[in-house]
Amino acid sequence: MVDDPAIRELLTRLARPHPSGGKAIDRAALLAEGGDFPEVIEWILDHEGTPESGGATKPAHGLHGAMNAQPLRAEQRRALRYVLPADALS
């Protein structure tokens, strides 16, 4: 089990500025840090962090594929990063 100060230190080290004014942490960076991923994600969500997914459409192929792209359902999207409010790590 990871304690609160250790999670704050980890997120402070991995965070980068987000256009919203908060801090963004990449999911890949969290996974690369080790086995405490579920606890860190729980901490982020408990501190008003929100998942941010990447592409919202299925890739389409062909000349006019972009016109026929279909939005992905919520369960098909995986968060690429998590965004914390500006004061969450202070």
Protein backbone atom coordinates (compact mmCIF):
# COMPACT_ATOMS: atom_id res chain seq x y z
CA MET A 1 0.00 0.00 0.00
CA VAL A 2 1.28 3.43 -0.96
CA ASP A 3 0.84 6.35 1.40
CA ASP A 4 -0.51 9.80 0.49
CA PRO A 5 2.85 11.66 0.57
CA ALA A 6 4.44 9.07 -1.73
CA ILE A 7 1.63 9.40 -4.25
CA ARG A 8 1.82 13.20 -4.14
CA GLU A 9 5.58 13.05 -4.74
CA LEU A 10 5.13 10.66 -7.67
CA LEU A 11 2.41 12.77 -9.29
CA THR A 12 4.34 16.01 -8.73
CA ARG A 13 7.33 14.48 -10.50
CA LEU A 14 5.28 13.16 -13.44
CA ALA A 15 2.83 16.04 -13.84
CA ARG A 16 3.02 18.65 -16.54
CA PRO A 17 0.90 21.74 -17.17
CA HIS A 18 -2.50 21.25 -18.79
CA PRO A 19 -4.36 23.96 -20.76
CA SER A 20 -7.14 23.88 -18.14
CA GLY A 21 -4.70 25.24 -15.55
CA GLY A 22 -4.41 21.90 -13.82
CA LYS A 23 -1.82 19.17 -14.13
CA ALA A 24 -1.80 16.28 -16.62
CA ILE A 25 -0.25 12.90 -15.89
CA ASP A 26 0.14 10.36 -18.70
CA ARG A 27 -1.26 6.90 -18.09
CA ALA A 28 1.83 5.34 -19.68
CA ALA A 29 4.10 7.16 -17.22
CA LEU A 30 2.04 5.87 -14.30
CA LEU A 31 2.17 2.32 -15.63
CA ALA A 32 5.94 2.57 -16.09
CA GLU A 33 6.37 3.51 -12.43
CA GLY A 34 5.33 0.10 -11.19
CA GLY A 35 2.71 -2.01 -9.51
CA ASP A 36 0.85 0.64 -7.51
CA PHE A 37 -1.09 1.82 -10.57
CA PRO A 38 -4.60 1.00 -9.22
CA GLU A 39 -3.95 2.84 -5.94
CA VAL A 40 -2.56 5.89 -7.74
CA ILE A 41 -5.55 6.04 -10.10
CA GLU A 42 -7.91 5.75 -7.12
CA TRP A 43 -6.05 8.64 -5.43
CA ILE A 44 -6.35 10.76 -8.59
CA LEU A 45 -10.08 10.13 -8.89
CA ASP A 46 -10.61 10.78 -5.15
CA HIS A 47 -8.92 14.18 -5.58
CA GLU A 48 -11.24 15.32 -8.40
CA GLY A 49 -8.95 14.14 -11.19
CA THR A 50 -10.60 13.28 -14.46
CA PRO A 51 -9.61 10.78 -17.14
CA GLU A 52 -8.93 12.28 -20.54
CA SER A 53 -9.15 9.99 -23.54
CA GLY A 54 -7.51 10.46 -26.88
CA GLY A 55 -9.24 9.96 -30.20
CA ALA A 56 -12.99 9.98 -29.96
CA THR A 57 -13.61 8.27 -33.29
CA LYS A 58 -12.85 4.91 -34.83
CA PRO A 59 -10.12 5.16 -37.44
CA ALA A 60 -11.61 5.14 -40.90
CA HIS A 61 -9.83 4.08 -44.06
CA GLY A 62 -9.98 5.18 -47.65
CA LEU A 63 -10.33 8.48 -49.43
CA HIS A 64 -13.53 9.54 -47.68
CA GLY A 65 -13.08 7.53 -44.50
CA ALA A 66 -12.96 10.57 -42.23
CA MET A 67 -16.50 11.51 -43.30
CA ASN A 68 -17.73 8.11 -42.16
CA ALA A 69 -15.84 7.90 -38.86
CA GLN A 70 -18.07 6.78 -36.01
CA PRO A 71 -17.70 8.01 -32.43
CA LEU A 72 -16.41 5.45 -29.94
CA ARG A 73 -18.63 4.44 -27.06
CA ALA A 74 -17.38 5.43 -23.61
CA GLU A 75 -16.42 1.84 -22.72
CA GLN A 76 -14.25 1.61 -25.86
CA ARG A 77 -12.10 4.58 -24.87
CA ARG A 78 -9.19 4.27 -22.47
CA ALA A 79 -7.82 7.26 -20.63
CA LEU A 80 -4.52 8.41 -22.11
CA ARG A 81 -3.91 10.85 -19.29
CA TYR A 82 -5.48 12.08 -16.09
CA VAL A 83 -6.02 15.74 -15.34
CA LEU A 84 -5.88 17.02 -11.77
CA PRO A 85 -7.18 20.41 -10.63
CA ALA A 86 -4.49 23.06 -10.13
CA ASP A 87 -4.53 22.80 -6.33
CA ALA A 88 -4.63 18.99 -6.01
CA LEU A 89 -0.88 18.55 -5.53
CA SER A 90 -0.23 21.51 -3.26
